[in-house]
Amino acid sequence: MDLKIFGQVIREKRNALHLKQEELSIQSGVAIKTIHSIEMGKGNPAIKTILRIFEILELDFIVVSAKSL
């Protein structure tokens, strides 16, 4: 999985929902530094973390994973 594309998808969806990273952090319970790292294509987030973010952004893991391949 290409983490840069994965992070780009997260960032684009967050922006489409007019959410700031801080708002996503509060709603998902994921640290803002972690969200920033994911969006930059860095780090190796746990599945649990990804699923929390996806829930707030209403993203489907299968679809995003396919885009990132």
PDB file of N, CA and C in Angstrom:
ATOM      1  N   MET A   1       0.842  -1.174   0.000  1.00  0.00           N
ATOM      2  CA  MET A   1       0.000   0.000   0.000  1.00  0.00           C
ATOM      3  C   MET A   1       0.889   1.239   0.000  1.00  0.00           C
ATOM      4  N   ASP A   2       0.606   2.178  -0.860  1.00  0.00           N
ATOM      5  CA  ASP A   2       1.353   3.430  -0.942  1.00  0.00           C
ATOM      6  C   ASP A   2       0.810   4.372   0.133  1.00  0.00           C
ATOM      7  N   LEU A   3       1.612   4.627   1.161  1.00  0.00           N
ATOM      8  CA  LEU A   3       1.152   5.438   2.285  1.00  0.00           C
ATOM      9  C   LEU A   3       0.906   6.900   1.913  1.00  0.00           C
ATOM     10  N   LYS A   4       1.619   7.393   0.898  1.00  0.00           N
ATOM     11  CA  LYS A   4       1.393   8.781   0.476  1.00  0.00           C
ATOM     12  C   LYS A   4       0.019   8.934  -0.166  1.00  0.00           C
ATOM     13  N   ILE A   5      -0.353   7.990  -1.021  1.00  0.00           N
ATOM     14  CA  ILE A   5      -1.678   8.038  -1.644  1.00  0.00           C
ATOM     15  C   ILE A   5      -2.749   7.821  -0.588  1.00  0.00           C
ATOM     16  N   PHE A   6      -2.501   6.883   0.322  1.00  0.00           N
ATOM     17  CA  PHE A   6      -3.429   6.610   1.412  1.00  0.00           C
ATOM     18  C   PHE A   6      -3.680   7.889   2.220  1.00  0.00           C
ATOM     19  N   GLY A   7      -2.611   8.582   2.585  1.00  0.00           N
ATOM     20  CA  GLY A   7      -2.727   9.831   3.338  1.00  0.00           C
ATOM     21  C   GLY A   7      -3.433  10.913   2.550  1.00  0.00           C
ATOM     22  N   GLN A   8      -3.188  10.945   1.255  1.00  0.00           N
ATOM     23  CA  GLN A   8      -3.841  11.934   0.394  1.00  0.00           C
ATOM     24  C   GLN A   8      -5.354  11.709   0.370  1.00  0.00           C
ATOM     25  N   VAL A   9      -5.770  10.461   0.308  1.00  0.00           N
ATOM     26  CA  VAL A   9      -7.206  10.143   0.314  1.00  0.00           C
ATOM     27  C   VAL A   9      -7.842  10.612   1.623  1.00  0.00           C
ATOM     28  N   ILE A  10      -7.160  10.362   2.727  1.00  0.00           N
ATOM     29  CA  ILE A  10      -7.664  10.797   4.040  1.00  0.00           C
ATOM     30  C   ILE A  10      -7.803  12.321   4.059  1.00  0.00           C
ATOM     31  N   ARG A  11      -6.763  13.021   3.639  1.00  0.00           N
ATOM     32  CA  ARG A  11      -6.761  14.485   3.648  1.00  0.00           C
ATOM     33  C   ARG A  11      -7.866  15.050   2.748  1.00  0.00           C
ATOM     34  N   GLU A  12      -8.009  14.482   1.551  1.00  0.00           N
ATOM     35  CA  GLU A  12      -9.035  14.974   0.618  1.00  0.00           C
ATOM     36  C   GLU A  12     -10.439  14.788   1.175  1.00  0.00           C
ATOM     37  N   LYS A  13     -10.694  13.646   1.787  1.00  0.00           N
ATOM     38  CA  LYS A  13     -12.023  13.393   2.357  1.00  0.00           C
ATOM     39  C   LYS A  13     -12.272  14.312   3.546  1.00  0.00           C
ATOM     40  N   ARG A  14     -11.261  14.510   4.388  1.00  0.00           N
ATOM     41  CA  ARG A  14     -11.402  15.414   5.537  1.00  0.00           C
ATOM     42  C   ARG A  14     -11.714  16.828   5.064  1.00  0.00           C
ATOM     43  N   ASN A  15     -10.997  17.270   4.049  1.00  0.00           N
ATOM     44  CA  ASN A  15     -11.237  18.608   3.505  1.00  0.00           C
ATOM     45  C   ASN A  15     -12.608  18.715   2.858  1.00  0.00           C
ATOM     46  N   ALA A  16     -13.053  17.674   2.184  1.00  0.00           N
ATOM     47  CA  ALA A  16     -14.375  17.674   1.551  1.00  0.00           C
ATOM     48  C   ALA A  16     -15.480  17.803   2.599  1.00  0.00           C
ATOM     49  N   LEU A  17     -15.219  17.294   3.804  1.00  0.00           N
ATOM     50  CA  LEU A  17     -16.189  17.407   4.897  1.00  0.00           C
ATOM     51  C   LEU A  17     -15.997  18.693   5.710  1.00  0.00           C
ATOM     52  N   HIS A  18     -15.056  19.518   5.270  1.00  0.00           N
ATOM     53  CA  HIS A  18     -14.745  20.796   5.930  1.00  0.00           C
ATOM     54  C   HIS A  18     -14.340  20.599   7.392  1.00  0.00           C
ATOM     55  N   LEU A  19     -13.538  19.567   7.618  1.00  0.00           N
ATOM     56  CA  LEU A  19     -13.023  19.287   8.959  1.00  0.00           C
ATOM     57  C   LEU A  19     -11.559  19.680   9.028  1.00  0.00           C
ATOM     58  N   LYS A  20     -11.173  20.291  10.112  1.00  0.00           N
ATOM     59  CA  LYS A  20      -9.767  20.554  10.373  1.00  0.00           C
ATOM     60  C   LYS A  20      -9.183  19.306  11.021  1.00  0.00           C
ATOM     61  N   GLN A  21      -7.868  19.181  10.968  1.00  0.00           N
ATOM     62  CA  GLN A  21      -7.228  18.031  11.605  1.00  0.00           C
ATOM     63  C   GLN A  21      -7.600  17.950  13.084  1.00  0.00           C
ATOM     64  N   GLU A  22      -7.658  19.084  13.732  1.00  0.00           N
ATOM     65  CA  GLU A  22      -8.003  19.127  15.155  1.00  0.00           C
ATOM     66  C   GLU A  22      -9.413  18.575  15.396  1.00  0.00           C
ATOM     67  N   GLU A  23     -10.350  18.939  14.533  1.00  0.00           N
ATOM     68  CA  GLU A  23     -11.720  18.450  14.677  1.00  0.00           C
ATOM     69  C   GLU A  23     -11.792  16.939  14.469  1.00  0.00           C
ATOM     70  N   LEU A  24     -11.071  16.452  13.474  1.00  0.00           N
ATOM     71  CA  LEU A  24     -11.028  15.017  13.231  1.00  0.00           C
ATOM     72  C   LEU A  24     -10.398  14.306  14.423  1.00  0.00           C
ATOM     73  N   SER A  25      -9.374  14.897  14.982  1.00  0.00           N
ATOM     74  CA  SER A  25      -8.713  14.327  16.145  1.00  0.00           C
ATOM     75  C   SER A  25      -9.681  14.184  17.312  1.00  0.00           C
ATOM     76  N   ILE A  26     -10.422  15.221  17.588  1.00  0.00           N
ATOM     77  CA  ILE A  26     -11.376  15.206  18.697  1.00  0.00           C
ATOM     78  C   ILE A  26     -12.470  14.171  18.456  1.00  0.00           C
ATOM     79  N   GLN A  27     -13.025  14.170  17.257  1.00  0.00           N
ATOM     80  CA  GLN A  27     -14.135  13.267  16.952  1.00  0.00           C
ATOM     81  C   GLN A  27     -13.707  11.803  16.922  1.00  0.00           C
ATOM     82  N   SER A  28     -12.492  11.537  16.470  1.00  0.00           N
ATOM     83  CA  SER A  28     -12.037  10.153  16.323  1.00  0.00           C
ATOM     84  C   SER A  28     -11.298   9.636  17.551  1.00  0.00           C
ATOM     85  N   GLY A  29     -10.817  10.551  18.377  1.00  0.00           N
ATOM     86  CA  GLY A  29     -10.018  10.138  19.525  1.00  0.00           C
ATOM     87  C   GLY A  29      -8.588   9.780  19.148  1.00  0.00           C
ATOM     88  N   VAL A  30      -8.174  10.184  17.947  1.00  0.00           N
ATOM     89  CA  VAL A  30      -6.816   9.923  17.454  1.00  0.00           C
ATOM     90  C   VAL A  30      -6.008  11.210  17.604  1.00  0.00           C
ATOM     91  N   ALA A  31      -4.807  11.093  18.111  1.00  0.00           N
ATOM     92  CA  ALA A  31      -3.951  12.271  18.317  1.00  0.00           C
ATOM     93  C   ALA A  31      -3.744  13.037  17.008  1.00  0.00           C
ATOM     94  N   ILE A  32      -3.747  14.359  17.116  1.00  0.00           N
ATOM     95  CA  ILE A  32      -3.587  15.203  15.938  1.00  0.00           C
ATOM     96  C   ILE A  32      -2.244  14.922  15.246  1.00  0.00           C
ATOM     97  N   LYS A  33      -1.198  14.637  16.013  1.00  0.00           N
ATOM     98  CA  LYS A  33       0.116  14.312  15.417  1.00  0.00           C
ATOM     99  C   LYS A  33       0.024  13.049  14.566  1.00  0.00           C
ATOM    100  N   THR A  34      -0.779  12.103  15.018  1.00  0.00           N
ATOM    101  CA  THR A  34      -0.956  10.857  14.262  1.00  0.00           C
ATOM    102  C   THR A  34      -1.689  11.134  12.961  1.00  0.00           C
ATOM    103  N   ILE A  35      -2.736  11.937  13.033  1.00  0.00           N
ATOM    104  CA  ILE A  35      -3.495  12.291  11.824  1.00  0.00           C
ATOM    105  C   ILE A  35      -2.580  13.012  10.834  1.00  0.00           C
ATOM    106  N   HIS A  36      -1.794  13.938  11.333  1.00  0.00           N
ATOM    107  CA  HIS A  36      -0.861  14.671  10.476  1.00  0.00           C
ATOM    108  C   HIS A  36       0.123  13.706   9.809  1.00  0.00           C
ATOM    109  N   SER A  37       0.675  12.786  10.583  1.00  0.00           N
ATOM    110  CA  SER A  37       1.625  11.813  10.033  1.00  0.00           C
ATOM    111  C   SER A  37       0.987  10.953   8.952  1.00  0.00           C
ATOM    112  N   ILE A  38      -0.232  10.497   9.211  1.00  0.00           N
ATOM    113  CA  ILE A  38      -0.938   9.669   8.227  1.00  0.00           C
ATOM    114  C   ILE A  38      -1.142  10.453   6.938  1.00  0.00           C
ATOM    115  N   GLU A  39      -1.592  11.691   7.058  1.00  0.00           N
ATOM    116  CA  GLU A  39      -1.839  12.515   5.873  1.00  0.00           C
ATOM    117  C   GLU A  39      -0.558  12.827   5.107  1.00  0.00           C
ATOM    118  N   MET A  40       0.565  12.829   5.791  1.00  0.00           N
ATOM    119  CA  MET A  40       1.851  13.071   5.138  1.00  0.00           C
ATOM    120  C   MET A  40       2.451  11.793   4.559  1.00  0.00           C
ATOM    121  N   GLY A  41       1.771  10.669   4.772  1.00  0.00           N
ATOM    122  CA  GLY A  41       2.259   9.395   4.245  1.00  0.00           C
ATOM    123  C   GLY A  41       3.379   8.805   5.061  1.00  0.00           C
ATOM    124  N   LYS A  42       3.440   9.181   6.336  1.00  0.00           N
ATOM    125  CA  LYS A  42       4.511   8.697   7.210  1.00  0.00           C
ATOM    126  C   LYS A  42       3.929   7.821   8.310  1.00  0.00           C
ATOM    127  N   GLY A  43       4.792   7.097   8.957  1.00  0.00           N
ATOM    128  CA  GLY A  43       4.383   6.267  10.075  1.00  0.00           C
ATOM    129  C   GLY A  43       3.717   4.981   9.616  1.00  0.00           C
ATOM    130  N   ASN A  44       3.280   4.215  10.586  1.00  0.00           N
ATOM    131  CA  ASN A  44       2.640   2.941  10.327  1.00  0.00           C
ATOM    132  C   ASN A  44       1.462   2.817  11.293  1.00  0.00           C
ATOM    133  N   PRO A  45       0.333   3.486  10.975  1.00  0.00           N
ATOM    134  CA  PRO A  45      -0.787   3.511  11.924  1.00  0.00           C
ATOM    135  C   PRO A  45      -1.417   2.129  12.118  1.00  0.00           C
ATOM    136  N   ALA A  46      -1.852   1.892  13.333  1.00  0.00           N
ATOM    137  CA  ALA A  46      -2.538   0.641  13.656  1.00  0.00           C
ATOM    138  C   ALA A  46      -3.894   0.609  12.952  1.00  0.00           C
ATOM    139  N   ILE A  47      -4.349  -0.574  12.661  1.00  0.00           N
ATOM    140  CA  ILE A  47      -5.657  -0.753  12.008  1.00  0.00           C
ATOM    141  C   ILE A  47      -6.746  -0.084  12.836  1.00  0.00           C
ATOM    142  N   LYS A  48      -6.660  -0.207  14.150  1.00  0.00           N
ATOM    143  CA  LYS A  48      -7.645   0.397  15.062  1.00  0.00           C
ATOM    144  C   LYS A  48      -7.716   1.913  14.843  1.00  0.00           C
ATOM    145  N   THR A  49      -6.573   2.526  14.674  1.00  0.00           N
ATOM    146  CA  THR A  49      -6.497   3.969  14.438  1.00  0.00           C
ATOM    147  C   THR A  49      -7.131   4.324  13.097  1.00  0.00           C
ATOM    148  N   ILE A  50      -6.785   3.572  12.077  1.00  0.00           N
ATOM    149  CA  ILE A  50      -7.339   3.820  10.745  1.00  0.00           C
ATOM    150  C   ILE A  50      -8.854   3.686  10.765  1.00  0.00           C
ATOM    151  N   LEU A  51      -9.353   2.658  11.427  1.00  0.00           N
ATOM    152  CA  LEU A  51     -10.804   2.435  11.466  1.00  0.00           C
ATOM    153  C   LEU A  51     -11.539   3.551  12.202  1.00  0.00           C
ATOM    154  N   ARG A  52     -10.936   4.111  13.235  1.00  0.00           N
ATOM    155  CA  ARG A  52     -11.559   5.245  13.944  1.00  0.00           C
ATOM    156  C   ARG A  52     -11.695   6.451  13.011  1.00  0.00           C
ATOM    157  N   ILE A  53     -10.631   6.720  12.260  1.00  0.00           N
ATOM    158  CA  ILE A  53     -10.647   7.844  11.320  1.00  0.00           C
ATOM    159  C   ILE A  53     -11.662   7.585  10.210  1.00  0.00           C
ATOM    160  N   PHE A  54     -11.650   6.369   9.677  1.00  0.00           N
ATOM    161  CA  PHE A  54     -12.583   6.018   8.598  1.00  0.00           C
ATOM    162  C   PHE A  54     -14.033   6.155   9.036  1.00  0.00           C
ATOM    163  N   GLU A  55     -14.308   5.814  10.287  1.00  0.00           N
ATOM    164  CA  GLU A  55     -15.674   5.924  10.788  1.00  0.00           C
ATOM    165  C   GLU A  55     -16.160   7.374  10.730  1.00  0.00           C
ATOM    166  N   ILE A  56     -15.336   8.294  11.166  1.00  0.00           N
ATOM    167  CA  ILE A  56     -15.701   9.715  11.159  1.00  0.00           C
ATOM    168  C   ILE A  56     -15.806  10.235   9.732  1.00  0.00           C
ATOM    169  N   LEU A  57     -14.890   9.826   8.863  1.00  0.00           N
ATOM    170  CA  LEU A  57     -14.870  10.311   7.488  1.00  0.00           C
ATOM    171  C   LEU A  57     -15.815   9.543   6.565  1.00  0.00           C
ATOM    172  N   GLU A  58     -16.436   8.499   7.109  1.00  0.00           N
ATOM    173  CA  GLU A  58     -17.350   7.652   6.333  1.00  0.00           C
ATOM    174  C   GLU A  58     -16.662   7.083   5.094  1.00  0.00           C
ATOM    175  N   LEU A  59     -15.473   6.541   5.325  1.00  0.00           N
ATOM    176  CA  LEU A  59     -14.693   5.912   4.264  1.00  0.00           C
ATOM    177  C   LEU A  59     -14.785   4.399   4.388  1.00  0.00           C
ATOM    178  N   ASP A  60     -14.685   3.723   3.268  1.00  0.00           N
ATOM    179  CA  ASP A  60     -14.692   2.269   3.224  1.00  0.00           C
ATOM    180  C   ASP A  60     -13.256   1.785   3.076  1.00  0.00           C
ATOM    181  N   PHE A  61     -12.809   0.950   3.989  1.00  0.00           N
ATOM    182  CA  PHE A  61     -11.424   0.481   3.997  1.00  0.00           C
ATOM    183  C   PHE A  61     -11.040  -0.216   2.687  1.00  0.00           C
ATOM    184  N   ILE A  62     -11.932  -1.012   2.155  1.00  0.00           N
ATOM    185  CA  ILE A  62     -11.645  -1.752   0.921  1.00  0.00           C
ATOM    186  C   ILE A  62     -11.412  -0.793  -0.242  1.00  0.00           C
ATOM    187  N   VAL A  63     -12.251   0.214  -0.358  1.00  0.00           N
ATOM    188  CA  VAL A  63     -12.143   1.176  -1.470  1.00  0.00           C
ATOM    189  C   VAL A  63     -10.849   1.968  -1.341  1.00  0.00           C
ATOM    190  N   VAL A  64     -10.546   2.472  -0.159  1.00  0.00           N
ATOM    191  CA  VAL A  64      -9.330   3.260   0.031  1.00  0.00           C
ATOM    192  C   VAL A  64      -8.099   2.397  -0.189  1.00  0.00           C
ATOM    193  N   SER A  65      -8.124   1.169   0.288  1.00  0.00           N
ATOM    194  CA  SER A  65      -6.993   0.266   0.093  1.00  0.00           C
ATOM    195  C   SER A  65      -6.739   0.017  -1.380  1.00  0.00           C
ATOM    196  N   ALA A  66      -7.793  -0.145  -2.148  1.00  0.00           N
ATOM    197  CA  ALA A  66      -7.660  -0.379  -3.584  1.00  0.00           C
ATOM    198  C   ALA A  66      -7.026   0.823  -4.288  1.00  0.00           C
ATOM    199  N   LYS A  67      -7.378   2.023  -3.860  1.00  0.00           N
ATOM    200  CA  LYS A  67      -6.807   3.236  -4.454  1.00  0.00           C
ATOM    201  C   LYS A  67      -5.328   3.367  -4.130  1.00  0.00           C
ATOM    202  N   SER A  68      -4.932   2.805  -3.004  1.00  0.00           N
ATOM    203  CA  SER A  68      -3.556   2.953  -2.519  1.00  0.00           C
ATOM    204  C   SER A  68      -2.608   1.906  -3.069  1.00  0.00           C
ATOM    205  N   LEU A  69      -3.111   0.932  -3.795  1.00  0.00           N
ATOM    206  CA  LEU A  69      -2.252  -0.146  -4.297  1.00  0.00           C
ATOM    207  C   LEU A  69      -1.438   0.302  -5.496  1.00  0.00           C
TER     208      LEU A  69
END
